[in-house]
Amino acid sequence: MIGEASFYGLYVPWLMVLAGAALLALWGVRRLLAATGLYRWVWHPALFDMALYLLLLYGLSRLTAPPQ
């Protein structure tokens, strides 16, 4: 996915926009997991958070990718 987005004249890579959206989604999922008590079953929280972030970023990039 090649491209950029313009925010008030500042061009940022599209992947950076997706990374920010994935970070916001990660915060929401973490709060949901903590509120339901499922987060306490995670053995290594930092590793789990990183894997979840990468999965969210991959999912967002696949959703916004042009059809092949």
PDB file of N, CA and C in Angstrom:
ATOM      1  N   MET A   1       0.843  -1.155   0.000  1.00  0.00           N
ATOM      2  CA  MET A   1       0.000   0.000   0.000  1.00  0.00           C
ATOM      3  C   MET A   1       0.898   1.230   0.000  1.00  0.00           C
ATOM      4  N   ILE A   2       0.881   1.942  -1.103  1.00  0.00           N
ATOM      5  CA  ILE A   2       1.711   3.129  -1.234  1.00  0.00           C
ATOM      6  C   ILE A   2       0.791   4.339  -1.297  1.00  0.00           C
ATOM      7  N   GLY A   3       1.119   5.334  -0.544  1.00  0.00           N
ATOM      8  CA  GLY A   3       0.323   6.553  -0.560  1.00  0.00           C
ATOM      9  C   GLY A   3       0.543   7.345   0.700  1.00  0.00           C
ATOM     10  N   GLU A   4      -0.035   8.519   0.691  1.00  0.00           N
ATOM     11  CA  GLU A   4       0.048   9.344   1.877  1.00  0.00           C
ATOM     12  C   GLU A   4      -1.261  10.088   2.055  1.00  0.00           C
ATOM     13  N   ALA A   5      -1.444  10.570   3.254  1.00  0.00           N
ATOM     14  CA  ALA A   5      -2.621  11.351   3.594  1.00  0.00           C
ATOM     15  C   ALA A   5      -2.156  12.748   3.980  1.00  0.00           C
ATOM     16  N   SER A   6      -2.962  13.732   3.660  1.00  0.00           N
ATOM     17  CA  SER A   6      -2.613  15.115   3.966  1.00  0.00           C
ATOM     18  C   SER A   6      -3.466  15.613   5.122  1.00  0.00           C
ATOM     19  N   PHE A   7      -2.804  16.052   6.194  1.00  0.00           N
ATOM     20  CA  PHE A   7      -3.473  16.655   7.334  1.00  0.00           C
ATOM     21  C   PHE A   7      -2.993  18.094   7.456  1.00  0.00           C
ATOM     22  N   TYR A   8      -3.831  19.026   7.035  1.00  0.00           N
ATOM     23  CA  TYR A   8      -3.508  20.453   7.078  1.00  0.00           C
ATOM     24  C   TYR A   8      -2.173  20.754   6.390  1.00  0.00           C
ATOM     25  N   GLY A   9      -1.954  20.129   5.245  1.00  0.00           N
ATOM     26  CA  GLY A   9      -0.746  20.375   4.472  1.00  0.00           C
ATOM     27  C   GLY A   9       0.445  19.520   4.857  1.00  0.00           C
ATOM     28  N   LEU A  10       0.305  18.697   5.875  1.00  0.00           N
ATOM     29  CA  LEU A  10       1.387  17.816   6.300  1.00  0.00           C
ATOM     30  C   LEU A  10       1.110  16.420   5.755  1.00  0.00           C
ATOM     31  N   TYR A  11       1.997  15.927   4.923  1.00  0.00           N
ATOM     32  CA  TYR A  11       1.821  14.605   4.331  1.00  0.00           C
ATOM     33  C   TYR A  11       2.420  13.541   5.242  1.00  0.00           C
ATOM     34  N   VAL A  12       1.613  12.559   5.587  1.00  0.00           N
ATOM     35  CA  VAL A  12       2.073  11.444   6.415  1.00  0.00           C
ATOM     36  C   VAL A  12       1.802  10.151   5.660  1.00  0.00           C
ATOM     37  N   PRO A  13       2.667   9.158   5.827  1.00  0.00           N
ATOM     38  CA  PRO A  13       2.444   7.884   5.151  1.00  0.00           C
ATOM     39  C   PRO A  13       1.139   7.235   5.613  1.00  0.00           C
ATOM     40  N   TRP A  14       0.474   6.562   4.684  1.00  0.00           N
ATOM     41  CA  TRP A  14      -0.800   5.928   4.996  1.00  0.00           C
ATOM     42  C   TRP A  14      -0.631   4.867   6.078  1.00  0.00           C
ATOM     43  N   LEU A  15       0.524   4.212   6.106  1.00  0.00           N
ATOM     44  CA  LEU A  15       0.767   3.207   7.138  1.00  0.00           C
ATOM     45  C   LEU A  15       0.795   3.844   8.526  1.00  0.00           C
ATOM     46  N   MET A  16       1.268   5.078   8.626  1.00  0.00           N
ATOM     47  CA  MET A  16       1.277   5.763   9.921  1.00  0.00           C
ATOM     48  C   MET A  16      -0.151   6.062  10.384  1.00  0.00           C
ATOM     49  N   VAL A  17      -1.023   6.402   9.459  1.00  0.00           N
ATOM     50  CA  VAL A  17      -2.429   6.627   9.797  1.00  0.00           C
ATOM     51  C   VAL A  17      -3.047   5.328  10.304  1.00  0.00           C
ATOM     52  N   LEU A  18      -2.761   4.223   9.613  1.00  0.00           N
ATOM     53  CA  LEU A  18      -3.278   2.926  10.042  1.00  0.00           C
ATOM     54  C   LEU A  18      -2.692   2.508  11.386  1.00  0.00           C
ATOM     55  N   ALA A  19      -1.415   2.814  11.613  1.00  0.00           N
ATOM     56  CA  ALA A  19      -0.791   2.474  12.894  1.00  0.00           C
ATOM     57  C   ALA A  19      -1.455   3.232  14.038  1.00  0.00           C
ATOM     58  N   GLY A  20      -1.800   4.479  13.816  1.00  0.00           N
ATOM     59  CA  GLY A  20      -2.510   5.243  14.841  1.00  0.00           C
ATOM     60  C   GLY A  20      -3.899   4.692  15.107  1.00  0.00           C
ATOM     61  N   ALA A  21      -4.590   4.288  14.049  1.00  0.00           N
ATOM     62  CA  ALA A  21      -5.920   3.697  14.218  1.00  0.00           C
ATOM     63  C   ALA A  21      -5.827   2.362  14.952  1.00  0.00           C
ATOM     64  N   ALA A  22      -4.789   1.581  14.642  1.00  0.00           N
ATOM     65  CA  ALA A  22      -4.602   0.301  15.334  1.00  0.00           C
ATOM     66  C   ALA A  22      -4.272   0.528  16.807  1.00  0.00           C
ATOM     67  N   LEU A  23      -3.535   1.581  17.106  1.00  0.00           N
ATOM     68  CA  LEU A  23      -3.223   1.897  18.500  1.00  0.00           C
ATOM     69  C   LEU A  23      -4.482   2.279  19.275  1.00  0.00           C
ATOM     70  N   LEU A  24      -5.342   3.069  18.656  1.00  0.00           N
ATOM     71  CA  LEU A  24      -6.606   3.425  19.306  1.00  0.00           C
ATOM     72  C   LEU A  24      -7.474   2.188  19.524  1.00  0.00           C
ATOM     73  N   ALA A  25      -7.509   1.303  18.534  1.00  0.00           N
ATOM     74  CA  ALA A  25      -8.278   0.066  18.681  1.00  0.00           C
ATOM     75  C   ALA A  25      -7.682  -0.810  19.777  1.00  0.00           C
ATOM     76  N   LEU A  26      -6.358  -0.846  19.878  1.00  0.00           N
ATOM     77  CA  LEU A  26      -5.702  -1.636  20.915  1.00  0.00           C
ATOM     78  C   LEU A  26      -6.078  -1.136  22.300  1.00  0.00           C
ATOM     79  N   TRP A  27      -6.100   0.174  22.488  1.00  0.00           N
ATOM     80  CA  TRP A  27      -6.486   0.726  23.789  1.00  0.00           C
ATOM     81  C   TRP A  27      -7.905   0.301  24.149  1.00  0.00           C
ATOM     82  N   GLY A  28      -8.795   0.337  23.178  1.00  0.00           N
ATOM     83  CA  GLY A  28     -10.169  -0.078  23.440  1.00  0.00           C
ATOM     84  C   GLY A  28     -10.284  -1.551  23.772  1.00  0.00           C
ATOM     85  N   VAL A  29      -9.566  -2.391  23.041  1.00  0.00           N
ATOM     86  CA  VAL A  29      -9.612  -3.834  23.294  1.00  0.00           C
ATOM     87  C   VAL A  29      -9.001  -4.155  24.651  1.00  0.00           C
ATOM     88  N   ARG A  30      -7.913  -3.483  25.001  1.00  0.00           N
ATOM     89  CA  ARG A  30      -7.299  -3.716  26.319  1.00  0.00           C
ATOM     90  C   ARG A  30      -8.240  -3.337  27.451  1.00  0.00           C
ATOM     91  N   ARG A  31      -8.936  -2.221  27.297  1.00  0.00           N
ATOM     92  CA  ARG A  31      -9.903  -1.818  28.334  1.00  0.00           C
ATOM     93  C   ARG A  31     -11.035  -2.827  28.439  1.00  0.00           C
ATOM     94  N   LEU A  32     -11.486  -3.330  27.299  1.00  0.00           N
ATOM     95  CA  LEU A  32     -12.549  -4.331  27.294  1.00  0.00           C
ATOM     96  C   LEU A  32     -12.087  -5.625  27.952  1.00  0.00           C
ATOM     97  N   LEU A  33     -10.867  -6.063  27.633  1.00  0.00           N
ATOM     98  CA  LEU A  33     -10.336  -7.286  28.240  1.00  0.00           C
ATOM     99  C   LEU A  33     -10.133  -7.117  29.745  1.00  0.00           C
ATOM    100  N   ALA A  34      -9.683  -5.949  30.163  1.00  0.00           N
ATOM    101  CA  ALA A  34      -9.483  -5.710  31.594  1.00  0.00           C
ATOM    102  C   ALA A  34     -10.817  -5.630  32.329  1.00  0.00           C
ATOM    103  N   ALA A  35     -11.814  -5.033  31.698  1.00  0.00           N
ATOM    104  CA  ALA A  35     -13.124  -4.894  32.344  1.00  0.00           C
ATOM    105  C   ALA A  35     -13.824  -6.240  32.496  1.00  0.00           C
ATOM    106  N   THR A  36     -13.621  -7.136  31.536  1.00  0.00           N
ATOM    107  CA  THR A  36     -14.273  -8.446  31.608  1.00  0.00           C
ATOM    108  C   THR A  36     -13.476  -9.447  32.430  1.00  0.00           C
ATOM    109  N   GLY A  37     -12.245  -9.112  32.786  1.00  0.00           N
ATOM    110  CA  GLY A  37     -11.427 -10.014  33.586  1.00  0.00           C
ATOM    111  C   GLY A  37     -10.649 -11.028  32.768  1.00  0.00           C
ATOM    112  N   LEU A  38     -10.726 -10.937  31.453  1.00  0.00           N
ATOM    113  CA  LEU A  38      -9.995 -11.888  30.609  1.00  0.00           C
ATOM    114  C   LEU A  38      -8.505 -11.571  30.533  1.00  0.00           C
ATOM    115  N   TYR A  39      -8.156 -10.327  30.805  1.00  0.00           N
ATOM    116  CA  TYR A  39      -6.756  -9.919  30.695  1.00  0.00           C
ATOM    117  C   TYR A  39      -5.885 -10.569  31.769  1.00  0.00           C
ATOM    118  N   ARG A  40      -6.470 -10.976  32.872  1.00  0.00           N
ATOM    119  CA  ARG A  40      -5.674 -11.603  33.938  1.00  0.00           C
ATOM    120  C   ARG A  40      -5.238 -13.014  33.574  1.00  0.00           C
ATOM    121  N   TRP A  41      -5.821 -13.600  32.544  1.00  0.00           N
ATOM    122  CA  TRP A  41      -5.424 -14.935  32.092  1.00  0.00           C
ATOM    123  C   TRP A  41      -4.243 -14.894  31.121  1.00  0.00           C
ATOM    124  N   VAL A  42      -3.812 -13.705  30.761  1.00  0.00           N
ATOM    125  CA  VAL A  42      -2.695 -13.546  29.827  1.00  0.00           C
ATOM    126  C   VAL A  42      -1.393 -13.760  30.581  1.00  0.00           C
ATOM    127  N   TRP A  43      -0.543 -14.644  30.047  1.00  0.00           N
ATOM    128  CA  TRP A  43       0.699 -14.987  30.727  1.00  0.00           C
ATOM    129  C   TRP A  43       1.713 -13.850  30.646  1.00  0.00           C
ATOM    130  N   HIS A  44       1.892 -13.278  29.456  1.00  0.00           N
ATOM    131  CA  HIS A  44       2.892 -12.230  29.252  1.00  0.00           C
ATOM    132  C   HIS A  44       2.189 -11.030  28.613  1.00  0.00           C
ATOM    133  N   PRO A  45       1.732 -10.075  29.416  1.00  0.00           N
ATOM    134  CA  PRO A  45       0.910  -8.980  28.884  1.00  0.00           C
ATOM    135  C   PRO A  45       1.587  -8.150  27.789  1.00  0.00           C
ATOM    136  N   ALA A  46       2.863  -7.869  27.917  1.00  0.00           N
ATOM    137  CA  ALA A  46       3.536  -7.052  26.905  1.00  0.00           C
ATOM    138  C   ALA A  46       3.602  -7.779  25.566  1.00  0.00           C
ATOM    139  N   LEU A  47       3.897  -9.060  25.602  1.00  0.00           N
ATOM    140  CA  LEU A  47       3.949  -9.850  24.374  1.00  0.00           C
ATOM    141  C   LEU A  47       2.558  -9.979  23.759  1.00  0.00           C
ATOM    142  N   PHE A  48       1.557 -10.170  24.593  1.00  0.00           N
ATOM    143  CA  PHE A  48       0.178 -10.258  24.124  1.00  0.00           C
ATOM    144  C   PHE A  48      -0.261  -8.950  23.475  1.00  0.00           C
ATOM    145  N   ASP A  49       0.086  -7.825  24.101  1.00  0.00           N
ATOM    146  CA  ASP A  49      -0.285  -6.521  23.547  1.00  0.00           C
ATOM    147  C   ASP A  49       0.383  -6.276  22.197  1.00  0.00           C
ATOM    148  N   MET A  50       1.644  -6.662  22.071  1.00  0.00           N
ATOM    149  CA  MET A  50       2.348  -6.478  20.808  1.00  0.00           C
ATOM    150  C   MET A  50       1.726  -7.328  19.708  1.00  0.00           C
ATOM    151  N   ALA A  51       1.416  -8.576  20.032  1.00  0.00           N
ATOM    152  CA  ALA A  51       0.800  -9.464  19.043  1.00  0.00           C
ATOM    153  C   ALA A  51      -0.588  -8.960  18.656  1.00  0.00           C
ATOM    154  N   LEU A  52      -1.345  -8.489  19.621  1.00  0.00           N
ATOM    155  CA  LEU A  52      -2.675  -7.960  19.339  1.00  0.00           C
ATOM    156  C   LEU A  52      -2.589  -6.705  18.478  1.00  0.00           C
ATOM    157  N   TYR A  53      -1.621  -5.849  18.754  1.00  0.00           N
ATOM    158  CA  TYR A  53      -1.421  -4.644  17.946  1.00  0.00           C
ATOM    159  C   TYR A  53      -1.095  -5.013  16.500  1.00  0.00           C
ATOM    160  N   LEU A  54      -0.204  -5.970  16.319  1.00  0.00           N
ATOM    161  CA  LEU A  54       0.162  -6.369  14.960  1.00  0.00           C
ATOM    162  C   LEU A  54      -1.014  -6.997  14.226  1.00  0.00           C
ATOM    163  N   LEU A  55      -1.822  -7.769  14.925  1.00  0.00           N
ATOM    164  CA  LEU A  55      -3.014  -8.349  14.301  1.00  0.00           C
ATOM    165  C   LEU A  55      -4.014  -7.263  13.906  1.00  0.00           C
ATOM    166  N   LEU A  56      -4.197  -6.279  14.760  1.00  0.00           N
ATOM    167  CA  LEU A  56      -5.100  -5.179  14.431  1.00  0.00           C
ATOM    168  C   LEU A  56      -4.574  -4.361  13.253  1.00  0.00           C
ATOM    169  N   LEU A  57      -3.278  -4.107  13.234  1.00  0.00           N
ATOM    170  CA  LEU A  57      -2.678  -3.360  12.126  1.00  0.00           C
ATOM    171  C   LEU A  57      -2.810  -4.131  10.821  1.00  0.00           C
ATOM    172  N   TYR A  58      -2.584  -5.429  10.865  1.00  0.00           N
ATOM    173  CA  TYR A  58      -2.736  -6.255   9.670  1.00  0.00           C
ATOM    174  C   TYR A  58      -4.189  -6.240   9.193  1.00  0.00           C
ATOM    175  N   GLY A  59      -5.117  -6.376  10.125  1.00  0.00           N
ATOM    176  CA  GLY A  59      -6.530  -6.372   9.755  1.00  0.00           C
ATOM    177  C   GLY A  59      -6.960  -5.055   9.130  1.00  0.00           C
ATOM    178  N   LEU A  60      -6.512  -3.948   9.709  1.00  0.00           N
ATOM    179  CA  LEU A  60      -6.850  -2.643   9.143  1.00  0.00           C
ATOM    180  C   LEU A  60      -6.227  -2.441   7.767  1.00  0.00           C
ATOM    181  N   SER A  61      -5.004  -2.906   7.595  1.00  0.00           N
ATOM    182  CA  SER A  61      -4.361  -2.743   6.293  1.00  0.00           C
ATOM    183  C   SER A  61      -5.039  -3.602   5.235  1.00  0.00           C
ATOM    184  N   ARG A  62      -5.523  -4.775   5.622  1.00  0.00           N
ATOM    185  CA  ARG A  62      -6.252  -5.619   4.666  1.00  0.00           C
ATOM    186  C   ARG A  62      -7.620  -5.031   4.333  1.00  0.00           C
ATOM    187  N   LEU A  63      -8.256  -4.396   5.309  1.00  0.00           N
ATOM    188  CA  LEU A  63      -9.567  -3.793   5.060  1.00  0.00           C
ATOM    189  C   LEU A  63      -9.483  -2.581   4.137  1.00  0.00           C
ATOM    190  N   THR A  64      -8.400  -1.829   4.233  1.00  0.00           N
ATOM    191  CA  THR A  64      -8.279  -0.606   3.445  1.00  0.00           C
ATOM    192  C   THR A  64      -7.484  -0.804   2.162  1.00  0.00           C
ATOM    193  N   ALA A  65      -6.983  -1.998   1.921  1.00  0.00           N
ATOM    194  CA  ALA A  65      -6.202  -2.251   0.711  1.00  0.00           C
ATOM    195  C   ALA A  65      -7.123  -2.296  -0.501  1.00  0.00           C
ATOM    196  N   PRO A  66      -6.637  -1.826  -1.639  1.00  0.00           N
ATOM    197  CA  PRO A  66      -7.459  -1.923  -2.851  1.00  0.00           C
ATOM    198  C   PRO A  66      -7.605  -3.388  -3.276  1.00  0.00           C
ATOM    199  N   PRO A  67      -8.720  -3.730  -3.911  1.00  0.00           N
ATOM    200  CA  PRO A  67      -8.909  -5.128  -4.328  1.00  0.00           C
ATOM    201  C   PRO A  67      -7.877  -5.537  -5.367  1.00  0.00           C
ATOM    202  N   GLN A  68      -7.482  -6.784  -5.296  1.00  0.00           N
ATOM    203  CA  GLN A  68      -6.452  -7.289  -6.220  1.00  0.00           C
ATOM    204  C   GLN A  68      -7.085  -8.029  -7.366  1.00  0.00           C
TER     205      GLN A  68
END
